[in-house]
């Protein structure tokens, strides 16, 4: 492994139209970790955007041919930050080229796609990472430690709810998410990130009973003026039980008329309580759990909830990482760099992504069949 991990990133571009996630999060995260990473190359679908992104991100190489980038011996890690429906094709090509891969979540548009990618990565013995960056959040890592240490006793119940503002007017760059088959919606993204974070802290689900709904059936395409039919779920309600027998109430949803979002994450134990809330001074008024920043509150017995300081050892990134979503992404990249340097597996990798996809599939099955489902391991 070279002194710096040389990254080829596909899907981060300076042009507008999509979510801009790669340019807003991955690029600043990698640039702030300059001691460990170098953005060696960018790849987009057109030469002009590739050259513009290369200049904006300070990369050495620009490609509009993904296979040409994969052929470069100067690329150690491929970061795939494109639309979900393209993940499978790009990741499979990168793995076949023998590259380590960081792919955004959801790993695939379907469970079957995720399983195929994970199987090939395992067969080739390649390092993989999936963008479930809540597992790298220092506050959530601390909460997990406290739960495992029995800080609040046996876990009895969990209450999680997040309601954000629905985006019902979208341009061509995001209107495609109206189609459930594309694999990018409230269930897979907002719900998938949140329920995986809950499982990270508290353990796996033993059973789930879910109701999925599409409360807003049309979106407005701001580029064409058309009304587009929506079948992607925007309401995910789950009653579940963890393997440790704790009961869980879980809700992730989006509402069109919402002055400000709402988030609650409360963990009730036999001797106390933990709560994870948006940190004071957050750049967003109600950031999602995986975006952060978060703050941990705790109470023992009948005492009042009070903030608990996050141990400095869990913060792996410099202060130069911009506030908001780039910080947890940078935390994930910092952990990945250590794993690659030490030739150790990284968690969450593609094998974990398959487990996360299976949990999402269990929610879909439960809602469709109207019964309680045990998620596949």
Protein backbone atom coordinates (compact mmCIF):
# COMPACT_ATOMS: atom_id res chain seq x y z
CA UNK A 1 0.00 0.00 0.00
CA UNK A 2 1.43 3.41 -0.96
CA UNK A 3 1.90 6.14 1.64
CA UNK A 4 -1.38 7.71 0.53
CA UNK A 5 -4.40 5.79 -0.76
CA UNK A 6 -5.03 6.98 -4.30
CA UNK A 7 -8.75 7.41 -4.93
CA UNK A 8 -10.63 7.36 -8.21
CA UNK A 9 -14.09 8.81 -7.59
CA UNK A 10 -17.00 8.31 -9.96
CA UNK A 11 -20.15 10.38 -9.67
CA UNK A 12 -18.80 13.50 -7.96
CA UNK A 13 -19.19 16.45 -10.28
CA UNK A 14 -19.23 20.23 -10.04
CA UNK A 15 -22.30 20.45 -12.31
CA UNK A 16 -25.81 20.82 -10.90
CA UNK A 17 -28.88 18.66 -11.40
CA UNK A 18 -28.46 15.74 -9.02
CA UNK A 19 -28.12 15.65 -5.26
CA UNK A 20 -24.47 16.74 -5.39
CA UNK A 21 -23.74 14.29 -2.56
CA UNK A 22 -20.31 13.24 -3.80
CA UNK A 23 -19.07 16.80 -4.28
CA UNK A 24 -20.62 18.01 -1.00
CA UNK A 25 -19.43 15.17 1.24
CA UNK A 26 -16.89 12.75 -0.21
CA UNK A 27 -14.63 15.34 -1.80
CA UNK A 28 -14.26 17.62 1.28
CA UNK A 29 -13.91 14.55 3.51
CA UNK A 30 -11.08 13.13 1.41
CA UNK A 31 -9.35 16.49 1.03
CA UNK A 32 -9.37 17.00 4.80
CA UNK A 33 -7.72 13.58 5.20
CA UNK A 34 -4.79 14.51 2.97
CA UNK A 35 -2.38 12.62 5.24
CA UNK A 36 -4.11 9.38 4.22
CA UNK A 37 -5.75 9.99 0.84
CA UNK A 38 -5.15 11.59 -2.52
CA UNK A 39 -7.99 12.25 -4.95
CA UNK A 40 -6.07 10.89 -7.92
CA UNK A 41 -8.84 10.79 -10.53
CA UNK A 42 -12.42 11.77 -11.22
CA UNK A 43 -14.74 10.08 -13.67
CA UNK A 44 -17.98 11.49 -15.06
CA UNK A 45 -20.04 10.72 -18.14
CA UNK A 46 -18.71 13.62 -20.25
CA UNK A 47 -15.21 14.91 -20.90
CA UNK A 48 -16.10 18.53 -20.12
CA UNK A 49 -17.58 17.74 -16.70
CA UNK A 50 -14.67 15.41 -15.93
CA UNK A 51 -12.17 18.17 -16.69
CA UNK A 52 -14.16 20.75 -14.71
CA UNK A 53 -14.42 18.39 -11.72
CA UNK A 54 -10.72 17.54 -11.94
CA UNK A 55 -9.85 21.24 -11.69
CA UNK A 56 -12.35 21.92 -8.89
CA UNK A 57 -11.27 18.95 -6.78
CA UNK A 58 -7.54 19.19 -7.40
CA UNK A 59 -7.32 15.75 -9.00
CA UNK A 60 -4.47 14.71 -11.29
CA UNK A 61 -6.51 12.68 -13.79
CA UNK A 62 -9.91 13.05 -15.47
CA UNK A 63 -11.85 10.30 -17.23
CA UNK A 64 -15.13 10.00 -19.06
CA UNK A 65 -14.48 6.27 -19.56
CA UNK A 66 -14.84 4.29 -16.33
CA UNK A 67 -12.96 1.27 -17.64
CA UNK A 68 -10.01 3.52 -18.58
CA UNK A 69 -9.89 4.77 -14.99
CA UNK A 70 -10.01 1.21 -13.71
CA UNK A 71 -7.11 0.29 -15.95
CA UNK A 72 -4.89 2.89 -14.28
CA UNK A 73 -2.34 1.33 -11.90
CA UNK A 74 -2.40 4.59 -9.95
CA UNK A 75 -5.86 3.92 -8.44
CA UNK A 76 -6.01 1.99 -5.16
CA UNK A 77 -9.61 2.70 -4.15
CA UNK A 78 -12.67 3.39 -6.28
CA UNK A 79 -15.39 5.49 -4.64
CA UNK A 80 -18.80 5.00 -6.28
CA UNK A 81 -21.10 7.92 -5.45
CA UNK A 82 -23.48 7.70 -8.41
CA UNK A 83 -27.23 7.07 -8.53
CA UNK A 84 -28.28 3.79 -6.93
CA UNK A 85 -29.41 2.06 -10.17
CA UNK A 86 -25.85 2.39 -11.53
CA UNK A 87 -24.07 0.97 -8.45
CA UNK A 88 -24.18 -2.68 -9.46
CA UNK A 89 -22.63 -2.26 -12.90
CA UNK A 90 -19.88 0.08 -11.75
CA UNK A 91 -18.99 -1.87 -8.62
CA UNK A 92 -18.85 -5.20 -10.42
CA UNK A 93 -16.48 -3.73 -13.02
CA UNK A 94 -14.28 -2.23 -10.30
CA UNK A 95 -14.11 -5.52 -8.40
CA UNK A 96 -13.27 -7.44 -11.57
CA UNK A 97 -10.43 -4.94 -12.10
CA UNK A 98 -9.09 -5.86 -8.65
CA UNK A 99 -9.83 -2.53 -6.97
CA UNK A 100 -10.90 -1.88 -3.40
CA UNK A 101 -14.33 -0.19 -3.47
CA UNK A 102 -16.23 2.28 -1.31
CA UNK A 103 -19.85 2.37 -2.51
CA UNK A 104 -22.60 4.62 -1.27
CA UNK A 105 -25.65 3.13 0.43
CA UNK A 106 -27.87 1.49 -0.73
CA UNK A 107 -25.27 -0.87 -2.16
CA UNK A 108 -27.68 -2.14 -4.80
CA UNK A 109 -31.13 -1.31 -6.13
CA UNK A 110 -32.14 -4.79 -4.93
CA UNK A 111 -31.01 -7.37 -2.39
CA UNK A 112 -29.96 -9.67 -5.24
CA UNK A 113 -27.62 -7.02 -6.63
CA UNK A 114 -26.05 -6.47 -3.21
CA UNK A 115 -25.54 -10.20 -2.73
CA UNK A 116 -23.82 -10.51 -6.11
CA UNK A 117 -21.43 -7.65 -5.35
CA UNK A 118 -20.60 -9.01 -1.90
CA UNK A 119 -20.00 -12.49 -3.28
CA UNK A 120 -17.55 -11.24 -5.92
CA UNK A 121 -15.68 -9.06 -3.41
CA UNK A 122 -15.33 -12.03 -1.07
CA UNK A 123 -14.20 -14.31 -3.88
CA UNK A 124 -11.53 -11.80 -4.92
CA UNK A 125 -10.49 -11.00 -1.33
CA UNK A 126 -10.93 -7.25 -1.88
CA UNK A 127 -11.47 -4.53 0.72
CA UNK A 128 -14.94 -3.03 0.53
CA UNK A 129 -16.82 -0.29 2.34
CA UNK A 130 -20.46 0.74 2.17
CA UNK A 131 -21.63 4.25 3.00
CA UNK A 132 -23.50 3.52 6.22
CA UNK A 133 -21.49 6.24 7.91
CA UNK A 134 -23.64 6.46 11.04
CA UNK A 135 -21.57 3.49 12.26
CA UNK A 136 -18.56 5.83 12.28
CA UNK A 137 -20.29 8.67 14.15
CA UNK A 138 -18.34 9.22 17.41
CA UNK A 139 -21.53 9.86 19.39
CA UNK A 140 -23.16 6.65 18.17
CA UNK A 141 -19.95 4.72 18.78
CA UNK A 142 -19.97 6.02 22.35
CA UNK A 143 -23.63 5.11 22.83
CA UNK A 144 -22.87 1.57 21.63
CA UNK A 145 -20.02 1.26 24.14
CA UNK A 146 -22.23 2.44 27.00
CA UNK A 147 -24.97 -0.02 26.07
CA UNK A 148 -22.47 -2.88 25.90
CA UNK A 149 -20.99 -1.86 29.26
CA UNK A 150 -24.43 -1.98 30.90
CA UNK A 151 -24.40 1.74 31.70
CA UNK A 152 -28.22 1.86 31.76
CA UNK A 153 -28.75 -1.81 32.63
CA UNK A 154 -30.71 -4.22 30.45
CA UNK A 155 -32.24 -2.59 27.37
CA UNK A 156 -36.02 -2.71 27.62
CA UNK A 157 -37.37 -0.51 24.85
CA UNK A 158 -36.38 1.88 22.08
CA UNK A 159 -38.28 4.76 20.52
CA UNK A 160 -37.00 6.21 17.24
CA UNK A 161 -38.85 8.66 15.03
CA UNK A 162 -37.74 11.02 12.30
CA UNK A 163 -40.10 13.08 10.16
CA UNK A 164 -38.48 15.30 7.57
CA UNK A 165 -39.82 17.64 4.94
CA UNK A 166 -40.88 15.92 1.72
CA UNK A 167 -39.38 17.21 -1.53
CA UNK A 168 -42.35 17.06 -3.91
CA UNK A 169 -40.94 19.42 -6.57
CA UNK A 170 -37.81 17.98 -8.23
CA UNK A 171 -35.86 18.36 -11.43
CA UNK A 172 -34.72 15.60 -13.75
CA UNK A 173 -31.71 14.96 -11.55
CA UNK A 174 -33.86 13.61 -8.70
CA UNK A 175 -37.31 12.86 -10.11
CA UNK A 176 -36.21 9.31 -10.92
CA UNK A 177 -36.50 8.48 -7.21
CA UNK A 178 -40.29 8.43 -7.65
CA UNK A 179 -39.94 4.90 -9.06
CA UNK A 180 -39.67 2.38 -6.24
CA UNK A 181 -37.68 -0.01 -8.46
CA UNK A 182 -34.79 2.51 -8.54
CA UNK A 183 -34.03 1.60 -4.92
CA UNK A 184 -33.56 5.15 -3.61
CA UNK A 185 -36.39 6.32 -1.37
CA UNK A 186 -37.43 7.00 2.22
CA UNK A 187 -37.41 3.29 3.03
CA UNK A 188 -33.97 2.46 1.66
CA UNK A 189 -32.11 5.71 2.34
CA UNK A 190 -33.60 7.53 5.32
CA UNK A 191 -35.08 4.39 6.83
CA UNK A 192 -32.18 2.14 5.87
CA UNK A 193 -29.56 4.45 7.40
CA UNK A 194 -31.58 4.99 10.58
CA UNK A 195 -32.53 1.38 11.30
CA UNK A 196 -28.96 0.25 10.61
CA UNK A 197 -27.69 2.87 13.07
CA UNK A 198 -30.18 1.63 15.66
CA UNK A 199 -28.96 -1.94 15.10
CA UNK A 200 -25.35 -0.79 15.40
CA UNK A 201 -25.99 0.53 18.89
CA UNK A 202 -28.44 -2.07 20.16
CA UNK A 203 -28.07 -5.27 18.14
CA UNK A 204 -29.95 -7.04 15.39
CA UNK A 205 -33.71 -7.40 14.99
CA UNK A 206 -35.35 -10.71 15.83
CA UNK A 207 -38.75 -9.76 14.35
CA UNK A 208 -40.33 -6.82 12.52
CA UNK A 209 -43.88 -5.82 11.69
CA UNK A 210 -43.93 -2.95 9.21
CA UNK A 211 -46.34 -0.70 7.39
CA UNK A 212 -45.11 1.17 4.33
CA UNK A 213 -47.16 3.94 2.76
CA UNK A 214 -46.98 6.40 -0.10
CA UNK A 215 -48.84 9.39 1.27
CA UNK A 216 -47.95 11.79 -1.57
CA UNK A 217 -48.71 10.09 -4.89
CA UNK A 218 -47.40 12.76 -7.27
CA UNK A 219 -44.31 14.92 -7.60
CA UNK A 220 -43.88 17.97 -9.79
CA UNK A 221 -41.03 17.89 -12.32
CA UNK A 222 -39.59 21.40 -12.23
CA UNK A 223 -37.72 20.87 -15.50
CA UNK A 224 -40.64 19.64 -17.62
CA UNK A 225 -43.66 20.94 -15.72
CA UNK A 226 -45.13 17.44 -15.64
CA UNK A 227 -46.77 15.68 -12.71
CA UNK A 228 -45.04 12.36 -12.05
CA UNK A 229 -46.68 9.36 -10.40
CA UNK A 230 -44.90 8.17 -7.24
CA UNK A 231 -44.89 4.64 -5.85
CA UNK A 232 -41.85 5.00 -3.58
CA UNK A 233 -42.80 4.79 0.11
CA UNK A 234 -42.62 7.97 2.17
CA UNK A 235 -43.94 6.51 5.42
CA UNK A 236 -42.11 3.66 7.18
CA UNK A 237 -43.61 2.51 10.48
CA UNK A 238 -42.12 -0.50 12.28
CA UNK A 239 -42.91 -2.36 15.47
CA UNK A 240 -40.02 -4.67 16.19
CA UNK A 241 -38.17 -6.79 18.71
CA UNK A 242 -34.40 -6.99 19.04
CA UNK A 243 -32.46 -10.18 19.66
CA UNK A 244 -31.99 -9.03 23.27
CA UNK A 245 -35.82 -8.96 23.52
CA UNK A 246 -36.09 -5.17 23.72
CA UNK A 247 -39.17 -3.72 22.02
CA UNK A 248 -38.72 -1.09 19.30
CA UNK A 249 -41.01 1.59 17.91
CA UNK A 250 -39.50 3.00 14.68
CA UNK A 251 -40.81 5.64 12.29
CA UNK A 252 -39.15 7.41 9.36
CA UNK A 253 -41.33 9.57 7.16
CA UNK A 254 -41.53 12.70 5.03
CA UNK A 255 -44.35 15.23 5.15
CA UNK A 256 -44.92 18.01 2.58
CA UNK A 257 -46.22 20.66 5.00
CA UNK A 258 -43.68 20.74 7.80
CA UNK A 259 -42.25 23.95 9.33
CA UNK A 260 -39.40 22.00 10.93
CA UNK A 261 -38.47 18.34 11.08
CA UNK A 262 -38.72 16.15 14.13
CA UNK A 263 -36.32 13.55 15.54
CA UNK A 264 -36.39 11.40 18.68
CA UNK A 265 -34.08 8.51 19.58
CA UNK A 266 -34.60 7.24 23.11
CA UNK A 267 -33.18 4.07 24.65
CA UNK A 268 -34.78 2.88 27.88
CA UNK A 269 -32.86 0.55 30.21
CA UNK A 270 -33.59 -1.07 33.53
CA UNK A 271 -31.35 1.47 35.33
CA UNK A 272 -31.43 4.54 33.12
CA UNK A 273 -31.96 6.12 29.73
CA UNK A 274 -29.96 7.37 26.74
CA UNK A 275 -31.15 9.87 24.15
CA UNK A 276 -29.42 10.92 20.93
CA UNK A 277 -30.45 14.38 19.76
CA UNK A 278 -29.22 16.96 17.23
CA UNK A 279 -26.17 18.73 18.62
CA UNK A 280 -26.50 22.42 19.51
CA UNK A 281 -25.39 24.62 16.63
CA UNK A 282 -26.13 22.00 13.96
CA UNK A 283 -25.88 23.46 10.42
CA UNK A 284 -29.31 21.92 9.74
CA UNK A 285 -32.23 22.63 12.11
CA UNK A 286 -33.09 18.92 12.38
CA UNK A 287 -30.32 16.80 10.87
CA UNK A 288 -30.90 13.15 10.16
CA UNK A 289 -29.11 10.71 12.44
CA UNK A 290 -26.53 9.68 9.86
CA UNK A 291 -25.77 13.28 8.83
CA UNK A 292 -25.20 14.55 12.33
CA UNK A 293 -23.88 16.26 14.31
CA UNK A 294 -25.41 14.38 17.23
CA UNK A 295 -25.31 14.76 20.99
CA UNK A 296 -25.68 12.02 23.60
CA UNK A 297 -27.77 12.60 26.72
CA UNK A 298 -28.00 10.19 29.63
CA UNK A 299 -29.87 9.71 32.90
CA UNK A 300 -29.48 7.14 35.66
CA UNK A 301 -32.43 6.13 37.79
CA UNK A 302 -34.91 9.00 37.90
CA UNK A 303 -32.30 11.67 37.31
CA UNK A 304 -32.59 14.31 34.62
CA UNK A 305 -31.13 13.82 31.17
CA UNK A 306 -27.77 15.54 30.81
CA UNK A 307 -25.15 15.68 28.04
CA UNK A 308 -22.30 13.16 28.10
CA UNK A 309 -19.00 14.16 26.53
CA UNK A 310 -17.77 12.03 23.65
CA UNK A 311 -14.32 10.54 24.33
CA UNK A 312 -11.65 12.20 22.22
CA UNK A 313 -10.29 8.79 21.16
CA UNK A 314 -13.45 8.23 19.06
CA UNK A 315 -12.93 11.39 16.98
CA UNK A 316 -10.65 10.34 14.14
CA UNK A 317 -10.75 13.42 11.92
CA UNK A 318 -9.23 16.92 12.01
CA UNK A 319 -11.26 20.02 12.78
CA UNK A 320 -10.75 21.09 9.16
CA UNK A 321 -13.50 18.73 7.99
CA UNK A 322 -16.53 20.92 7.22
CA UNK A 323 -19.50 20.72 9.57
CA UNK A 324 -22.48 18.55 8.73
CA UNK A 325 -22.57 15.41 6.55
CA UNK A 326 -18.86 15.48 5.52
CA UNK A 327 -17.77 14.74 9.09
CA UNK A 328 -19.26 11.26 9.44
CA UNK A 329 -18.18 10.42 5.89
CA UNK A 330 -14.65 11.52 6.84
CA UNK A 331 -14.85 9.38 9.99
CA UNK A 332 -15.70 6.40 7.78
CA UNK A 333 -12.80 7.15 5.42
CA UNK A 334 -10.41 7.50 8.38
CA UNK A 335 -11.43 4.07 9.66
CA UNK A 336 -11.13 2.63 6.15
CA UNK A 337 -7.60 4.02 5.78
CA UNK A 338 -6.55 2.32 9.01
CA UNK A 339 -8.05 -0.99 7.88
CA UNK A 340 -6.33 -0.84 4.50
CA UNK A 341 -3.00 0.13 6.08
CA UNK A 342 -3.19 -2.79 8.52
CA UNK A 343 -4.59 -5.19 5.91
CA UNK A 344 -7.66 -5.74 8.08
CA UNK A 345 -11.30 -6.06 7.01
CA UNK A 346 -13.42 -2.91 7.22
CA UNK A 347 -16.83 -2.79 8.83
CA UNK A 348 -19.34 -2.00 7.39
CA UNK A 349 -18.23 -3.67 4.17
CA UNK A 350 -20.29 -5.35 1.48
CA UNK A 351 -21.07 -8.39 3.65
CA UNK A 352 -22.67 -6.10 6.20
CA UNK A 353 -24.49 -4.24 3.41
CA UNK A 354 -26.18 -7.51 2.47
CA UNK A 355 -27.43 -7.89 6.06
CA UNK A 356 -28.75 -4.32 5.97
CA UNK A 357 -30.48 -5.01 2.65
CA UNK A 358 -32.05 -8.15 4.14
CA UNK A 359 -33.52 -6.10 6.98
CA UNK A 360 -35.02 -3.65 4.48
CA UNK A 361 -36.37 -6.62 2.49
CA UNK A 362 -37.96 -7.96 5.67
CA UNK A 363 -39.76 -4.64 6.18
CA UNK A 364 -41.07 -4.79 2.62
CA UNK A 365 -42.22 -8.40 3.04
CA UNK A 366 -43.91 -7.65 6.34
CA UNK A 367 -45.83 -4.72 4.89
CA UNK A 368 -46.84 -6.64 1.77
CA UNK A 369 -47.94 -9.79 3.59
CA UNK A 370 -49.40 -8.06 6.65
CA UNK A 371 -47.52 -10.21 9.13
CA UNK A 372 -44.50 -10.26 11.41
CA UNK A 373 -41.27 -11.33 9.69
CA UNK A 374 -37.94 -12.57 11.05
CA UNK A 375 -35.15 -10.86 9.05
CA UNK A 376 -32.74 -13.23 7.32
CA UNK A 377 -29.29 -13.29 8.87
